Amino acid sequence: MNRPFPFFVALRYIFAGKGNRYLSFVSLSSLIGMILGVLSLLVVLAVMNGFRSDLENRVLRLIPHAHINADTVIPD
């Protein structure tokens, strides 16, 4: 079983033995902190993307992309 080195080190510190409870607590709290940080970043990015698309739609309702004008009068 050939694992990448960073993955091996991460698993070693996450599942630290029962003899070193301080290391287990620190690794668990840092893992929870990283999970919360990534989760909050994803939520903020999703909200900002929604605000951007909503603002873009509101602006384009008022100011369209292009105006097309005819040189001559088109009969109805």
PDB file of N, CA and C in Angstrom:
ATOM      1  N   MET A   1       0.849  -1.172   0.000  1.00  0.00           N
ATOM      2  CA  MET A   1       0.000   0.000   0.000  1.00  0.00           C
ATOM      3  C   MET A   1       0.895   1.236   0.000  1.00  0.00           C
ATOM      4  N   ASN A   2       0.960   1.910  -1.113  1.00  0.00           N
ATOM      5  CA  ASN A   2       1.828   3.064  -1.283  1.00  0.00           C
ATOM      6  C   ASN A   2       0.995   4.337  -1.184  1.00  0.00           C
ATOM      7  N   ARG A   3       1.113   5.045  -0.057  1.00  0.00           N
ATOM      8  CA  ARG A   3       0.376   6.293   0.149  1.00  0.00           C
ATOM      9  C   ARG A   3       1.311   7.473  -0.047  1.00  0.00           C
ATOM     10  N   PRO A   4       0.758   8.595  -0.513  1.00  0.00           N
ATOM     11  CA  PRO A   4       1.574   9.809  -0.580  1.00  0.00           C
ATOM     12  C   PRO A   4       1.995  10.241   0.833  1.00  0.00           C
ATOM     13  N   PHE A   5       3.146  10.841   0.923  1.00  0.00           N
ATOM     14  CA  PHE A   5       3.698  11.210   2.225  1.00  0.00           C
ATOM     15  C   PHE A   5       2.819  12.180   3.011  1.00  0.00           C
ATOM     16  N   PRO A   6       2.303  13.274   2.423  1.00  0.00           N
ATOM     17  CA  PRO A   6       1.456  14.181   3.214  1.00  0.00           C
ATOM     18  C   PRO A   6       0.200  13.493   3.745  1.00  0.00           C
ATOM     19  N   PHE A   7      -0.371  12.594   2.953  1.00  0.00           N
ATOM     20  CA  PHE A   7      -1.550  11.864   3.405  1.00  0.00           C
ATOM     21  C   PHE A   7      -1.206  10.979   4.597  1.00  0.00           C
ATOM     22  N   PHE A   8      -0.057  10.342   4.552  1.00  0.00           N
ATOM     23  CA  PHE A   8       0.399   9.493   5.653  1.00  0.00           C
ATOM     24  C   PHE A   8       0.602  10.302   6.929  1.00  0.00           C
ATOM     25  N   VAL A   9       1.227  11.456   6.807  1.00  0.00           N
ATOM     26  CA  VAL A   9       1.470  12.305   7.982  1.00  0.00           C
ATOM     27  C   VAL A   9       0.150  12.817   8.552  1.00  0.00           C
ATOM     28  N   ALA A  10      -0.780  13.203   7.680  1.00  0.00           N
ATOM     29  CA  ALA A  10      -2.077  13.692   8.146  1.00  0.00           C
ATOM     30  C   ALA A  10      -2.828  12.604   8.902  1.00  0.00           C
ATOM     31  N   LEU A  11      -2.844  11.405   8.362  1.00  0.00           N
ATOM     32  CA  LEU A  11      -3.523  10.311   9.055  1.00  0.00           C
ATOM     33  C   LEU A  11      -2.851   9.976  10.378  1.00  0.00           C
ATOM     34  N   ARG A  12      -1.557  10.092  10.416  1.00  0.00           N
ATOM     35  CA  ARG A  12      -0.831   9.788  11.650  1.00  0.00           C
ATOM     36  C   ARG A  12      -1.199  10.759  12.766  1.00  0.00           C
ATOM     37  N   TYR A  13      -1.330  12.045  12.440  1.00  0.00           N
ATOM     38  CA  TYR A  13      -1.650  13.022  13.470  1.00  0.00           C
ATOM     39  C   TYR A  13      -3.137  13.065  13.795  1.00  0.00           C
ATOM     40  N   ILE A  14      -3.987  12.723  12.824  1.00  0.00           N
ATOM     41  CA  ILE A  14      -5.422  12.706  13.114  1.00  0.00           C
ATOM     42  C   ILE A  14      -5.758  11.554  14.050  1.00  0.00           C
ATOM     43  N   PHE A  15      -5.217  10.392  13.762  1.00  0.00           N
ATOM     44  CA  PHE A  15      -5.492   9.219  14.583  1.00  0.00           C
ATOM     45  C   PHE A  15      -4.308   8.930  15.500  1.00  0.00           C
ATOM     46  N   ALA A  16      -3.948   9.916  16.302  1.00  0.00           N
ATOM     47  CA  ALA A  16      -2.833   9.739  17.231  1.00  0.00           C
ATOM     48  C   ALA A  16      -3.236   8.719  18.296  1.00  0.00           C
ATOM     49  N   GLY A  17      -2.250   8.032  18.809  1.00  0.00           N
ATOM     50  CA  GLY A  17      -2.513   6.996  19.797  1.00  0.00           C
ATOM     51  C   GLY A  17      -3.116   7.549  21.082  1.00  0.00           C
ATOM     52  N   LYS A  18      -3.655   6.656  21.892  1.00  0.00           N
ATOM     53  CA  LYS A  18      -4.303   7.076  23.130  1.00  0.00           C
ATOM     54  C   LYS A  18      -3.297   7.566  24.163  1.00  0.00           C
ATOM     55  N   GLY A  19      -2.031   7.277  23.966  1.00  0.00           N
ATOM     56  CA  GLY A  19      -1.019   7.714  24.914  1.00  0.00           C
ATOM     57  C   GLY A  19      -0.782   9.215  24.868  1.00  0.00           C
ATOM     58  N   ASN A  20      -1.051   9.857  23.738  1.00  0.00           N
ATOM     59  CA  ASN A  20      -0.793  11.284  23.590  1.00  0.00           C
ATOM     60  C   ASN A  20      -2.117  12.003  23.308  1.00  0.00           C
ATOM     61  N   ARG A  21      -2.885  12.257  24.359  1.00  0.00           N
ATOM     62  CA  ARG A  21      -4.199  12.884  24.191  1.00  0.00           C
ATOM     63  C   ARG A  21      -4.088  14.352  23.794  1.00  0.00           C
ATOM     64  N   TYR A  22      -3.028  15.032  24.200  1.00  0.00           N
ATOM     65  CA  TYR A  22      -2.877  16.438  23.835  1.00  0.00           C
ATOM     66  C   TYR A  22      -2.708  16.578  22.328  1.00  0.00           C
ATOM     67  N   LEU A  23      -1.906  15.731  21.723  1.00  0.00           N
ATOM     68  CA  LEU A  23      -1.702  15.767  20.278  1.00  0.00           C
ATOM     69  C   LEU A  23      -2.996  15.428  19.546  1.00  0.00           C
ATOM     70  N   SER A  24      -3.761  14.492  20.086  1.00  0.00           N
ATOM     71  CA  SER A  24      -5.036  14.134  19.479  1.00  0.00           C
ATOM     72  C   SER A  24      -6.012  15.306  19.549  1.00  0.00           C
ATOM     73  N   PHE A  25      -6.053  16.008  20.687  1.00  0.00           N
ATOM     74  CA  PHE A  25      -6.943  17.167  20.837  1.00  0.00           C
ATOM     75  C   PHE A  25      -6.548  18.287  19.884  1.00  0.00           C
ATOM     76  N   VAL A  26      -5.261  18.558  19.784  1.00  0.00           N
ATOM     77  CA  VAL A  26      -4.788  19.627  18.903  1.00  0.00           C
ATOM     78  C   VAL A  26      -5.072  19.278  17.443  1.00  0.00           C
ATOM     79  N   SER A  27      -4.821  18.055  17.054  1.00  0.00           N
ATOM     80  CA  SER A  27      -5.065  17.677  15.663  1.00  0.00           C
ATOM     81  C   SER A  27      -6.555  17.695  15.346  1.00  0.00           C
ATOM     82  N   LEU A  28      -7.384  17.262  16.270  1.00  0.00           N
ATOM     83  CA  LEU A  28      -8.830  17.285  16.042  1.00  0.00           C
ATOM     84  C   LEU A  28      -9.353  18.715  15.977  1.00  0.00           C
ATOM     85  N   SER A  29      -8.876  19.578  16.862  1.00  0.00           N
ATOM     86  CA  SER A  29      -9.343  20.971  16.835  1.00  0.00           C
ATOM     87  C   SER A  29      -8.852  21.695  15.580  1.00  0.00           C
ATOM     88  N   SER A  30      -7.647  21.406  15.127  1.00  0.00           N
ATOM     89  CA  SER A  30      -7.172  22.041  13.894  1.00  0.00           C
ATOM     90  C   SER A  30      -7.926  21.512  12.679  1.00  0.00           C
ATOM     91  N   LEU A  31      -8.281  20.245  12.681  1.00  0.00           N
ATOM     92  CA  LEU A  31      -9.074  19.680  11.593  1.00  0.00           C
ATOM     93  C   LEU A  31     -10.459  20.323  11.553  1.00  0.00           C
ATOM     94  N   ILE A  32     -11.084  20.489  12.696  1.00  0.00           N
ATOM     95  CA  ILE A  32     -12.395  21.151  12.761  1.00  0.00           C
ATOM     96  C   ILE A  32     -12.275  22.601  12.313  1.00  0.00           C
ATOM     97  N   GLY A  33     -11.204  23.272  12.695  1.00  0.00           N
ATOM     98  CA  GLY A  33     -10.992  24.655  12.261  1.00  0.00           C
ATOM     99  C   GLY A  33     -10.836  24.774  10.758  1.00  0.00           C
ATOM    100  N   MET A  34     -10.091  23.853  10.159  1.00  0.00           N
ATOM    101  CA  MET A  34      -9.933  23.885   8.697  1.00  0.00           C
ATOM    102  C   MET A  34     -11.252  23.589   7.994  1.00  0.00           C
ATOM    103  N   ILE A  35     -12.018  22.656   8.528  1.00  0.00           N
ATOM    104  CA  ILE A  35     -13.318  22.340   7.927  1.00  0.00           C
ATOM    105  C   ILE A  35     -14.240  23.541   7.999  1.00  0.00           C
ATOM    106  N   LEU A  36     -14.295  24.211   9.148  1.00  0.00           N
ATOM    107  CA  LEU A  36     -15.145  25.398   9.288  1.00  0.00           C
ATOM    108  C   LEU A  36     -14.676  26.533   8.386  1.00  0.00           C
ATOM    109  N   GLY A  37     -13.372  26.704   8.241  1.00  0.00           N
ATOM    110  CA  GLY A  37     -12.844  27.751   7.375  1.00  0.00           C
ATOM    111  C   GLY A  37     -13.198  27.531   5.915  1.00  0.00           C
ATOM    112  N   VAL A  38     -13.038  26.306   5.447  1.00  0.00           N
ATOM    113  CA  VAL A  38     -13.369  25.998   4.053  1.00  0.00           C
ATOM    114  C   VAL A  38     -14.871  26.117   3.830  1.00  0.00           C
ATOM    115  N   LEU A  39     -15.664  25.668   4.792  1.00  0.00           N
ATOM    116  CA  LEU A  39     -17.114  25.765   4.672  1.00  0.00           C
ATOM    117  C   LEU A  39     -17.572  27.213   4.609  1.00  0.00           C
ATOM    118  N   SER A  40     -17.015  28.067   5.470  1.00  0.00           N
ATOM    119  CA  SER A  40     -17.410  29.479   5.447  1.00  0.00           C
ATOM    120  C   SER A  40     -16.957  30.156   4.155  1.00  0.00           C
ATOM    121  N   LEU A  41     -15.799  29.794   3.639  1.00  0.00           N
ATOM    122  CA  LEU A  41     -15.335  30.353   2.368  1.00  0.00           C
ATOM    123  C   LEU A  41     -16.262  29.965   1.224  1.00  0.00           C
ATOM    124  N   LEU A  42     -16.707  28.718   1.202  1.00  0.00           N
ATOM    125  CA  LEU A  42     -17.634  28.279   0.160  1.00  0.00           C
ATOM    126  C   LEU A  42     -18.973  29.002   0.243  1.00  0.00           C
ATOM    127  N   VAL A  43     -19.469  29.203   1.461  1.00  0.00           N
ATOM    128  CA  VAL A  43     -20.746  29.902   1.627  1.00  0.00           C
ATOM    129  C   VAL A  43     -20.624  31.346   1.168  1.00  0.00           C
ATOM    130  N   VAL A  44     -19.550  32.021   1.551  1.00  0.00           N
ATOM    131  CA  VAL A  44     -19.363  33.422   1.156  1.00  0.00           C
ATOM    132  C   VAL A  44     -19.221  33.544  -0.357  1.00  0.00           C
ATOM    133  N   LEU A  45     -18.479  32.656  -0.980  1.00  0.00           N
ATOM    134  CA  LEU A  45     -18.332  32.699  -2.438  1.00  0.00           C
ATOM    135  C   LEU A  45     -19.664  32.453  -3.142  1.00  0.00           C
ATOM    136  N   ALA A  46     -20.469  31.545  -2.621  1.00  0.00           N
ATOM    137  CA  ALA A  46     -21.774  31.281  -3.230  1.00  0.00           C
ATOM    138  C   ALA A  46     -22.694  32.487  -3.098  1.00  0.00           C
ATOM    139  N   VAL A  47     -22.693  33.121  -1.930  1.00  0.00           N
ATOM    140  CA  VAL A  47     -23.539  34.300  -1.725  1.00  0.00           C
ATOM    141  C   VAL A  47     -23.080  35.448  -2.611  1.00  0.00           C
ATOM    142  N   MET A  48     -21.776  35.681  -2.696  1.00  0.00           N
ATOM    143  CA  MET A  48     -21.271  36.769  -3.530  1.00  0.00           C
ATOM    144  C   MET A  48     -21.567  36.516  -5.009  1.00  0.00           C
ATOM    145  N   ASN A  49     -21.492  35.274  -5.450  1.00  0.00           N
ATOM    146  CA  ASN A  49     -21.816  34.947  -6.835  1.00  0.00           C
ATOM    147  C   ASN A  49     -23.298  35.202  -7.107  1.00  0.00           C
ATOM    148  N   GLY A  50     -24.153  34.891  -6.153  1.00  0.00           N
ATOM    149  CA  GLY A  50     -25.579  35.171  -6.308  1.00  0.00           C
ATOM    150  C   GLY A  50     -25.857  36.659  -6.373  1.00  0.00           C
ATOM    151  N   PHE A  51     -25.186  37.448  -5.520  1.00  0.00           N
ATOM    152  CA  PHE A  51     -25.362  38.899  -5.556  1.00  0.00           C
ATOM    153  C   PHE A  51     -24.871  39.477  -6.878  1.00  0.00           C
ATOM    154  N   ARG A  52     -23.771  38.950  -7.394  1.00  0.00           N
ATOM    155  CA  ARG A  52     -23.224  39.459  -8.651  1.00  0.00           C
ATOM    156  C   ARG A  52     -24.189  39.201  -9.803  1.00  0.00           C
ATOM    157  N   SER A  53     -24.718  37.991  -9.879  1.00  0.00           N
ATOM    158  CA  SER A  53     -25.632  37.687 -10.985  1.00  0.00           C
ATOM    159  C   SER A  53     -26.939  38.457 -10.845  1.00  0.00           C
ATOM    160  N   ASP A  54     -27.412  38.665  -9.624  1.00  0.00           N
ATOM    161  CA  ASP A  54     -28.634  39.444  -9.418  1.00  0.00           C
ATOM    162  C   ASP A  54     -28.408  40.899  -9.806  1.00  0.00           C
ATOM    163  N   LEU A  55     -27.285  41.466  -9.421  1.00  0.00           N
ATOM    164  CA  LEU A  55     -26.971  42.849  -9.781  1.00  0.00           C
ATOM    165  C   LEU A  55     -26.809  42.992 -11.292  1.00  0.00           C
ATOM    166  N   GLU A  56     -26.165  42.025 -11.921  1.00  0.00           N
ATOM    167  CA  GLU A  56     -25.986  42.063 -13.374  1.00  0.00           C
ATOM    168  C   GLU A  56     -27.337  42.021 -14.088  1.00  0.00           C
ATOM    169  N   ASN A  57     -28.245  41.181 -13.617  1.00  0.00           N
ATOM    170  CA  ASN A  57     -29.578  41.110 -14.231  1.00  0.00           C
ATOM    171  C   ASN A  57     -30.345  42.414 -14.053  1.00  0.00           C
ATOM    172  N   ARG A  58     -30.235  43.038 -12.890  1.00  0.00           N
ATOM    173  CA  ARG A  58     -30.944  44.302 -12.658  1.00  0.00           C
ATOM    174  C   ARG A  58     -30.389  45.423 -13.532  1.00  0.00           C
ATOM    175  N   VAL A  59     -29.086  45.478 -13.692  1.00  0.00           N
ATOM    176  CA  VAL A  59     -28.477  46.524 -14.521  1.00  0.00           C
ATOM    177  C   VAL A  59     -28.836  46.309 -15.985  1.00  0.00           C
ATOM    178  N   LEU A  60     -28.814  45.067 -16.444  1.00  0.00           N
ATOM    179  CA  LEU A  60     -29.112  44.796 -17.847  1.00  0.00           C
ATOM    180  C   LEU A  60     -30.587  45.010 -18.178  1.00  0.00           C
ATOM    181  N   ARG A  61     -31.460  44.976 -17.179  1.00  0.00           N
ATOM    182  CA  ARG A  61     -32.850  45.335 -17.440  1.00  0.00           C
ATOM    183  C   ARG A  61     -32.978  46.816 -17.752  1.00  0.00           C
ATOM    184  N   LEU A  62     -32.163  47.638 -17.111  1.00  0.00           N
ATOM    185  CA  LEU A  62     -32.220  49.084 -17.326  1.00  0.00           C
ATOM    186  C   LEU A  62     -31.395  49.514 -18.531  1.00  0.00           C
ATOM    187  N   ILE A  63     -30.212  48.941 -18.687  1.00  0.00           N
ATOM    188  CA  ILE A  63     -29.299  49.308 -19.774  1.00  0.00           C
ATOM    189  C   ILE A  63     -29.020  48.045 -20.582  1.00  0.00           C
ATOM    190  N   PRO A  64     -29.644  47.881 -21.749  1.00  0.00           N
ATOM    191  CA  PRO A  64     -29.431  46.652 -22.523  1.00  0.00           C
ATOM    192  C   PRO A  64     -28.028  46.602 -23.128  1.00  0.00           C
ATOM    193  N   HIS A  65     -27.675  45.442 -23.640  1.00  0.00           N
ATOM    194  CA  HIS A  65     -26.365  45.245 -24.255  1.00  0.00           C
ATOM    195  C   HIS A  65     -26.194  46.083 -25.514  1.00  0.00           C
ATOM    196  N   ALA A  66     -27.245  46.176 -26.328  1.00  0.00           N
ATOM    197  CA  ALA A  66     -27.117  46.873 -27.611  1.00  0.00           C
ATOM    198  C   ALA A  66     -28.446  47.539 -27.966  1.00  0.00           C
ATOM    199  N   HIS A  67     -28.347  48.621 -28.740  1.00  0.00           N
ATOM    200  CA  HIS A  67     -29.508  49.301 -29.304  1.00  0.00           C
ATOM    201  C   HIS A  67     -29.441  49.131 -30.813  1.00  0.00           C
ATOM    202  N   ILE A  68     -30.540  48.702 -31.410  1.00  0.00           N
ATOM    203  CA  ILE A  68     -30.592  48.531 -32.863  1.00  0.00           C
ATOM    204  C   ILE A  68     -31.542  49.581 -33.416  1.00  0.00           C
ATOM    205  N   ASN A  69     -31.017  50.441 -34.284  1.00  0.00           N
ATOM    206  CA  ASN A  69     -31.807  51.496 -34.915  1.00  0.00           C
ATOM    207  C   ASN A  69     -31.785  51.298 -36.423  1.00  0.00           C
ATOM    208  N   ALA A  70     -32.941  51.489 -37.043  1.00  0.00           N
ATOM    209  CA  ALA A  70     -33.035  51.367 -38.501  1.00  0.00           C
ATOM    210  C   ALA A  70     -32.786  52.723 -39.140  1.00  0.00           C
ATOM    211  N   ASP A  71     -32.132  52.723 -40.322  1.00  0.00           N
ATOM    212  CA  ASP A  71     -31.901  53.975 -41.049  1.00  0.00           C
ATOM    213  C   ASP A  71     -33.184  54.499 -41.685  1.00  0.00           C
ATOM    214  N   THR A  72     -34.040  53.602 -42.094  1.00  0.00           N
ATOM    215  CA  THR A  72     -35.303  54.008 -42.716  1.00  0.00           C
ATOM    216  C   THR A  72     -36.459  53.540 -41.849  1.00  0.00           C
ATOM    217  N   VAL A  73     -37.623  54.100 -42.120  1.00  0.00           N
ATOM    218  CA  VAL A  73     -38.815  53.715 -41.368  1.00  0.00           C
ATOM    219  C   VAL A  73     -39.302  52.375 -41.894  1.00  0.00           C
ATOM    220  N   ILE A  74     -39.549  51.468 -40.997  1.00  0.00           N
ATOM    221  CA  ILE A  74     -40.033  50.146 -41.380  1.00  0.00           C
ATOM    222  C   ILE A  74     -41.557  50.174 -41.324  1.00  0.00           C
ATOM    223  N   PRO A  75     -42.226  49.869 -42.444  1.00  0.00           N
ATOM    224  CA  PRO A  75     -43.701  49.908 -42.428  1.00  0.00           C
ATOM    225  C   PRO A  75     -44.265  48.776 -41.579  1.00  0.00           C
ATOM    226  N   ASP A  76     -45.375  49.082 -40.930  1.00  0.00           N
ATOM    227  CA  ASP A  76     -46.025  48.069 -40.085  1.00  0.00           C
ATOM    228  C   ASP A  76     -46.845  47.109 -40.885  1.00  0.00           C
TER     229      ASP A  76
END
